N, C-alpha and C. Protein backbone atom coordinates (compact mmCIF):
# COMPACT_ATOMS: atom_id res chain seq x y z
N MET A 1 -32.51 6.57 14.17
CA MET A 1 -31.31 6.87 13.09
C MET A 1 -32.13 7.47 11.90
N VAL A 2 -31.45 8.38 11.38
CA VAL A 2 -31.98 9.30 10.11
C VAL A 2 -31.63 8.01 8.78
N ASP A 3 -32.83 8.03 7.91
CA ASP A 3 -32.96 7.13 6.97
C ASP A 3 -32.13 8.07 5.76
N ILE A 4 -31.10 7.78 5.27
CA ILE A 4 -30.63 8.71 4.09
C ILE A 4 -30.92 7.98 2.86
N SER A 5 -31.59 6.53 2.84
CA SER A 5 -31.73 6.09 1.58
C SER A 5 -32.82 6.70 0.51
N VAL A 6 -33.19 8.07 1.10
CA VAL A 6 -34.06 8.59 0.26
C VAL A 6 -33.22 9.02 -1.28
N PHE A 7 -31.96 9.05 -1.06
CA PHE A 7 -31.19 9.56 -2.49
C PHE A 7 -31.00 8.21 -3.18
N GLY A 8 -31.56 7.02 -2.77
CA GLY A 8 -31.60 5.82 -3.78
C GLY A 8 -30.32 5.37 -4.16
N PRO A 9 -29.98 5.26 -5.56
CA PRO A 9 -28.64 4.99 -6.14
C PRO A 9 -27.61 5.80 -5.92
N TYR A 10 -27.92 7.03 -5.41
CA TYR A 10 -26.87 8.21 -4.90
C TYR A 10 -26.49 8.32 -3.57
N THR A 11 -27.08 7.34 -2.78
CA THR A 11 -26.81 7.44 -1.28
C THR A 11 -25.34 7.24 -0.77
N TYR A 12 -24.62 6.47 -1.52
CA TYR A 12 -23.13 6.47 -1.03
C TYR A 12 -22.60 7.51 -1.51
N LEU A 13 -22.58 8.03 -2.71
CA LEU A 13 -22.01 9.16 -3.24
C LEU A 13 -22.43 10.30 -2.36
N VAL A 14 -23.61 10.66 -2.15
CA VAL A 14 -23.98 11.78 -1.35
C VAL A 14 -23.25 11.93 -0.26
N THR A 15 -23.28 10.61 0.71
CA THR A 15 -22.52 10.72 1.87
C THR A 15 -20.96 10.87 1.73
N GLU A 16 -20.41 10.49 0.71
CA GLU A 16 -18.98 10.64 0.66
C GLU A 16 -18.84 12.22 0.25
N LEU A 17 -19.71 12.76 -0.54
CA LEU A 17 -19.51 14.27 -0.79
C LEU A 17 -19.66 15.05 0.62
N LEU A 18 -20.70 14.54 1.30
CA LEU A 18 -20.69 15.37 2.69
C LEU A 18 -19.39 15.27 3.55
N TRP A 19 -19.11 13.98 3.55
CA TRP A 19 -17.78 13.85 4.20
C TRP A 19 -16.39 14.33 3.85
N GLY A 20 -16.41 14.31 2.53
CA GLY A 20 -15.47 14.99 1.60
C GLY A 20 -15.40 16.45 1.77
N VAL A 21 -16.63 17.00 2.14
CA VAL A 21 -16.34 18.74 2.63
C VAL A 21 -15.69 18.70 3.92
N VAL A 22 -15.96 17.90 4.84
CA VAL A 22 -15.39 17.78 6.17
C VAL A 22 -13.74 17.54 5.92
N ALA A 23 -13.40 16.62 5.17
CA ALA A 23 -11.87 16.36 4.77
C ALA A 23 -11.08 17.59 4.31
N VAL A 24 -12.00 18.14 3.30
CA VAL A 24 -11.31 19.24 2.64
C VAL A 24 -10.97 20.35 3.55
N ALA A 25 -12.03 20.64 4.36
CA ALA A 25 -12.08 21.64 5.38
C ALA A 25 -10.99 21.48 6.32
N LEU A 26 -10.66 20.12 6.89
CA LEU A 26 -9.63 20.08 7.72
C LEU A 26 -8.10 20.17 7.04
N VAL A 27 -8.25 19.62 6.03
CA VAL A 27 -6.85 19.69 5.26
C VAL A 27 -6.49 21.06 5.12
N SER A 28 -7.60 21.90 4.62
CA SER A 28 -7.41 23.23 4.11
C SER A 28 -7.11 24.08 5.58
N TYR A 29 -7.70 23.88 6.51
CA TYR A 29 -7.40 24.54 7.88
C TYR A 29 -6.01 24.19 8.23
N ALA A 30 -5.75 22.96 8.15
CA ALA A 30 -4.45 22.63 8.53
C ALA A 30 -3.07 23.05 7.66
N ASP A 31 -3.58 23.52 6.12
CA ASP A 31 -2.72 23.57 5.37
C ASP A 31 -1.81 22.45 4.96
N ALA A 32 -2.47 21.15 4.99
CA ALA A 32 -1.83 19.90 4.74
C ALA A 32 -2.17 19.26 3.45
N TRP A 33 -2.22 20.17 2.41
CA TRP A 33 -2.63 19.54 1.17
C TRP A 33 -1.55 18.63 0.44
N ARG A 34 -0.36 18.85 0.84
CA ARG A 34 0.91 18.12 0.19
C ARG A 34 0.86 16.66 1.09
N GLU A 35 0.84 16.90 2.27
CA GLU A 35 0.87 15.53 3.33
C GLU A 35 -0.31 14.67 2.85
N ALA A 36 -1.54 15.43 2.74
CA ALA A 36 -2.55 14.49 2.31
C ALA A 36 -2.46 13.78 0.95
N ALA A 37 -2.03 14.42 0.05
CA ALA A 37 -1.93 13.90 -1.29
C ALA A 37 -0.91 12.88 -1.32
N ARG A 38 0.34 13.07 -0.54
CA ARG A 38 1.29 12.00 -0.54
C ARG A 38 0.82 10.83 0.07
N THR A 39 0.08 11.05 1.09
CA THR A 39 -0.41 9.89 2.09
C THR A 39 -1.32 8.94 1.01
N THR A 40 -2.14 9.84 0.57
CA THR A 40 -3.11 9.20 -0.40
C THR A 40 -2.59 8.42 -1.52
N LEU A 41 -1.65 9.00 -2.16
CA LEU A 41 -0.97 8.22 -3.20
C LEU A 41 -0.22 7.03 -3.01
N VAL A 42 0.27 6.87 -1.67
CA VAL A 42 0.93 5.90 -1.02
C VAL A 42 -0.08 4.78 -0.81
N LEU A 43 -1.16 5.11 -0.23
CA LEU A 43 -2.04 4.33 0.40
C LEU A 43 -2.96 3.49 -0.76
N TYR A 44 -3.15 4.28 -2.01
CA TYR A 44 -4.27 3.97 -2.92
C TYR A 44 -3.85 2.63 -3.62
N PRO A 45 -2.83 2.37 -3.97
CA PRO A 45 -2.76 1.02 -4.78
C PRO A 45 -3.02 -0.15 -3.75
N ALA A 46 -2.57 -0.27 -2.56
CA ALA A 46 -3.08 -1.32 -1.57
C ALA A 46 -4.48 -1.34 -1.32
N ALA A 47 -5.27 -0.13 -1.01
CA ALA A 47 -6.60 -0.17 -0.95
C ALA A 47 -7.27 -0.61 -2.01
N TYR A 48 -6.86 -0.12 -3.22
CA TYR A 48 -7.56 -0.54 -4.32
C TYR A 48 -7.51 -2.27 -4.57
N VAL A 49 -6.45 -2.70 -4.25
CA VAL A 49 -6.54 -4.25 -4.56
C VAL A 49 -7.08 -4.78 -3.42
N TRP A 50 -7.15 -4.40 -2.16
CA TRP A 50 -8.01 -4.91 -1.23
C TRP A 50 -9.50 -4.67 -1.48
N ASP A 51 -9.87 -3.78 -2.14
CA ASP A 51 -11.24 -3.35 -2.23
C ASP A 51 -11.54 -4.33 -3.20
N TRP A 52 -10.92 -4.26 -4.37
CA TRP A 52 -11.16 -5.03 -5.69
C TRP A 52 -11.39 -6.65 -5.15
N TYR A 53 -10.53 -7.16 -4.39
CA TYR A 53 -10.51 -8.52 -3.78
C TYR A 53 -11.91 -8.62 -3.07
N THR A 54 -11.86 -7.83 -1.94
CA THR A 54 -13.05 -7.89 -1.07
C THR A 54 -14.40 -8.10 -1.75
N LEU A 55 -14.64 -7.10 -2.76
CA LEU A 55 -15.93 -7.00 -3.56
C LEU A 55 -15.97 -8.11 -4.30
N HIS A 56 -14.96 -8.79 -4.99
CA HIS A 56 -15.04 -9.99 -5.96
C HIS A 56 -15.26 -11.39 -5.26
N VAL A 57 -14.86 -11.25 -3.96
CA VAL A 57 -15.03 -12.65 -3.30
C VAL A 57 -16.21 -12.48 -2.57
N GLY A 58 -16.91 -11.51 -2.52
CA GLY A 58 -18.29 -11.36 -1.77
C GLY A 58 -18.24 -11.10 -0.52
N VAL A 59 -17.24 -10.39 0.03
CA VAL A 59 -17.10 -9.92 1.46
C VAL A 59 -18.11 -8.97 1.69
N PHE A 60 -18.36 -8.10 0.85
CA PHE A 60 -19.59 -7.11 0.89
C PHE A 60 -20.01 -6.53 -0.38
N GLU A 61 -21.22 -6.09 -0.28
CA GLU A 61 -21.73 -5.61 -1.53
C GLU A 61 -22.32 -3.92 -1.43
N ILE A 62 -22.51 -3.27 -2.09
CA ILE A 62 -22.92 -1.85 -1.82
C ILE A 62 -24.33 -1.61 -2.71
N PRO A 63 -25.30 -1.85 -2.14
CA PRO A 63 -26.57 -1.73 -2.69
C PRO A 63 -26.96 -0.20 -3.18
N LEU A 64 -26.75 0.77 -2.43
CA LEU A 64 -27.36 2.04 -2.61
C LEU A 64 -26.05 2.93 -3.37
N ARG A 65 -25.74 2.51 -4.54
CA ARG A 65 -24.72 3.13 -5.38
C ARG A 65 -25.35 3.54 -6.92
N THR A 66 -24.42 4.08 -7.49
CA THR A 66 -24.74 4.68 -8.91
C THR A 66 -24.68 3.48 -9.92
N GLY A 67 -23.92 2.52 -9.56
CA GLY A 67 -23.75 1.48 -10.58
C GLY A 67 -22.69 1.63 -11.58
N VAL A 68 -21.93 2.71 -11.46
CA VAL A 68 -20.89 3.13 -12.32
C VAL A 68 -19.68 2.44 -11.74
N ASP A 69 -18.89 1.60 -12.54
CA ASP A 69 -17.62 1.03 -12.06
C ASP A 69 -16.41 1.52 -12.88
N LEU A 70 -15.43 1.65 -12.25
CA LEU A 70 -14.26 2.15 -12.77
C LEU A 70 -13.13 1.17 -12.48
N LEU A 71 -12.36 0.43 -13.43
CA LEU A 71 -11.42 -0.46 -13.11
C LEU A 71 -11.81 -1.66 -12.05
N GLY A 72 -13.05 -2.06 -12.58
CA GLY A 72 -13.43 -3.12 -11.70
C GLY A 72 -14.20 -2.93 -10.51
N ILE A 73 -14.26 -1.57 -9.92
CA ILE A 73 -14.83 -1.45 -8.79
C ILE A 73 -15.76 -0.17 -8.86
N PRO A 74 -16.85 0.10 -7.99
CA PRO A 74 -17.65 1.16 -8.07
C PRO A 74 -16.97 2.60 -7.74
N VAL A 75 -17.11 3.40 -8.57
CA VAL A 75 -16.70 4.67 -8.50
C VAL A 75 -16.73 5.29 -7.10
N GLU A 76 -17.80 4.81 -6.26
CA GLU A 76 -17.82 5.44 -4.95
C GLU A 76 -16.57 4.84 -4.24
N GLU A 77 -16.28 3.68 -4.39
CA GLU A 77 -15.14 3.11 -3.50
C GLU A 77 -14.00 3.95 -4.02
N HIS A 78 -13.63 4.20 -5.18
CA HIS A 78 -12.42 5.13 -5.53
C HIS A 78 -12.44 6.32 -4.77
N ILE A 79 -13.53 6.98 -4.63
CA ILE A 79 -13.69 8.19 -3.97
C ILE A 79 -13.44 8.00 -2.27
N PHE A 80 -13.80 6.81 -2.12
CA PHE A 80 -13.87 6.39 -0.46
C PHE A 80 -12.24 6.35 -0.26
N MET A 81 -11.55 5.78 -1.19
CA MET A 81 -10.06 5.48 -1.01
C MET A 81 -9.38 6.58 -1.09
N LEU A 82 -9.80 7.82 -1.63
CA LEU A 82 -9.38 9.00 -1.58
C LEU A 82 -9.50 9.80 -0.48
N LEU A 83 -10.79 9.57 0.03
CA LEU A 83 -11.35 10.36 1.16
C LEU A 83 -10.87 10.02 2.35
N ILE A 84 -10.83 8.69 2.79
CA ILE A 84 -10.30 8.22 4.20
C ILE A 84 -8.63 8.79 4.63
N PRO A 85 -7.99 8.39 3.57
CA PRO A 85 -6.48 9.09 4.05
C PRO A 85 -6.44 10.49 4.12
N THR A 86 -7.14 11.21 3.18
CA THR A 86 -7.24 12.64 3.16
C THR A 86 -7.87 13.15 4.68
N MET A 87 -8.99 12.57 5.05
CA MET A 87 -9.58 12.92 6.43
C MET A 87 -8.57 12.52 7.43
N VAL A 88 -7.91 11.54 7.47
CA VAL A 88 -7.07 11.29 8.56
C VAL A 88 -6.08 12.16 8.62
N VAL A 89 -5.40 12.46 7.53
CA VAL A 89 -4.27 13.61 7.59
C VAL A 89 -4.79 14.81 7.85
N GLY A 90 -5.85 15.26 7.46
CA GLY A 90 -6.41 16.57 7.79
C GLY A 90 -6.77 16.51 9.23
N ALA A 91 -7.45 15.54 9.74
CA ALA A 91 -7.62 15.37 11.45
C ALA A 91 -6.30 15.60 12.16
N HIS A 92 -5.34 14.83 11.78
CA HIS A 92 -4.12 14.80 12.52
C HIS A 92 -3.40 16.08 12.50
N GLU A 93 -3.36 16.65 11.16
CA GLU A 93 -2.67 17.95 11.05
C GLU A 93 -3.42 19.15 11.95
N THR A 94 -4.80 18.89 11.76
CA THR A 94 -5.47 19.88 12.36
C THR A 94 -5.23 19.93 13.91
N LEU A 95 -5.39 18.72 14.42
CA LEU A 95 -4.93 18.49 16.06
C LEU A 95 -3.62 19.07 16.29
N ALA A 96 -2.57 18.89 15.46
CA ALA A 96 -1.42 19.28 15.59
C ALA A 96 -1.44 20.61 15.86
N LYS A 97 -2.06 21.56 14.82
CA LYS A 97 -2.10 22.90 14.85
C LYS A 97 -2.82 23.23 15.85
N VAL A 98 -4.16 22.81 16.09
CA VAL A 98 -4.71 23.39 17.41
C VAL A 98 -4.18 23.16 18.82
N LEU A 99 -3.34 21.96 18.95
CA LEU A 99 -2.79 21.49 20.17
C LEU A 99 -1.32 22.25 20.19
N ASP A 100 -0.84 22.78 19.24
CA ASP A 100 0.63 23.24 19.15
C ASP A 100 0.57 24.69 20.30
N ASP A 101 1.11 24.62 21.33
CA ASP A 101 1.22 25.64 22.07
C ASP A 101 2.73 26.58 22.01
N PRO A 102 2.62 27.63 21.54
CA PRO A 102 3.91 28.43 21.18
C PRO A 102 4.73 28.32 22.55
N ASP A 103 4.12 28.49 23.66
CA ASP A 103 5.00 28.58 24.89
C ASP A 103 5.88 27.37 25.17
N ASP A 104 5.47 25.98 24.44
CA ASP A 104 6.13 24.88 24.67
C ASP A 104 7.42 24.96 23.89
N ARG A 105 7.74 25.79 22.99
CA ARG A 105 8.91 25.71 22.24
C ARG A 105 10.11 26.19 23.02
């Protein structure tokens, strides 16, 4: 396995940015910006509460992060909560576009 901890406190942020490029590419290819934004906005509040709670009760910790917090949780977690629904919508809409056969209409 590749050791990406060479980025030190930026490790989590770097991996999110790399996966963010994938998410943006999927959403862009599928032209699903509105769907991704809507889904992310709907899921974000619940994800925030869940994340805040699990971090504060000690379910997990994030050692390779910048140390910058926003509204009580690491900035990387906010990015994560934006990234995941965007990637899911992007993957879903890309699959729909790729698998859509005009002869099936």
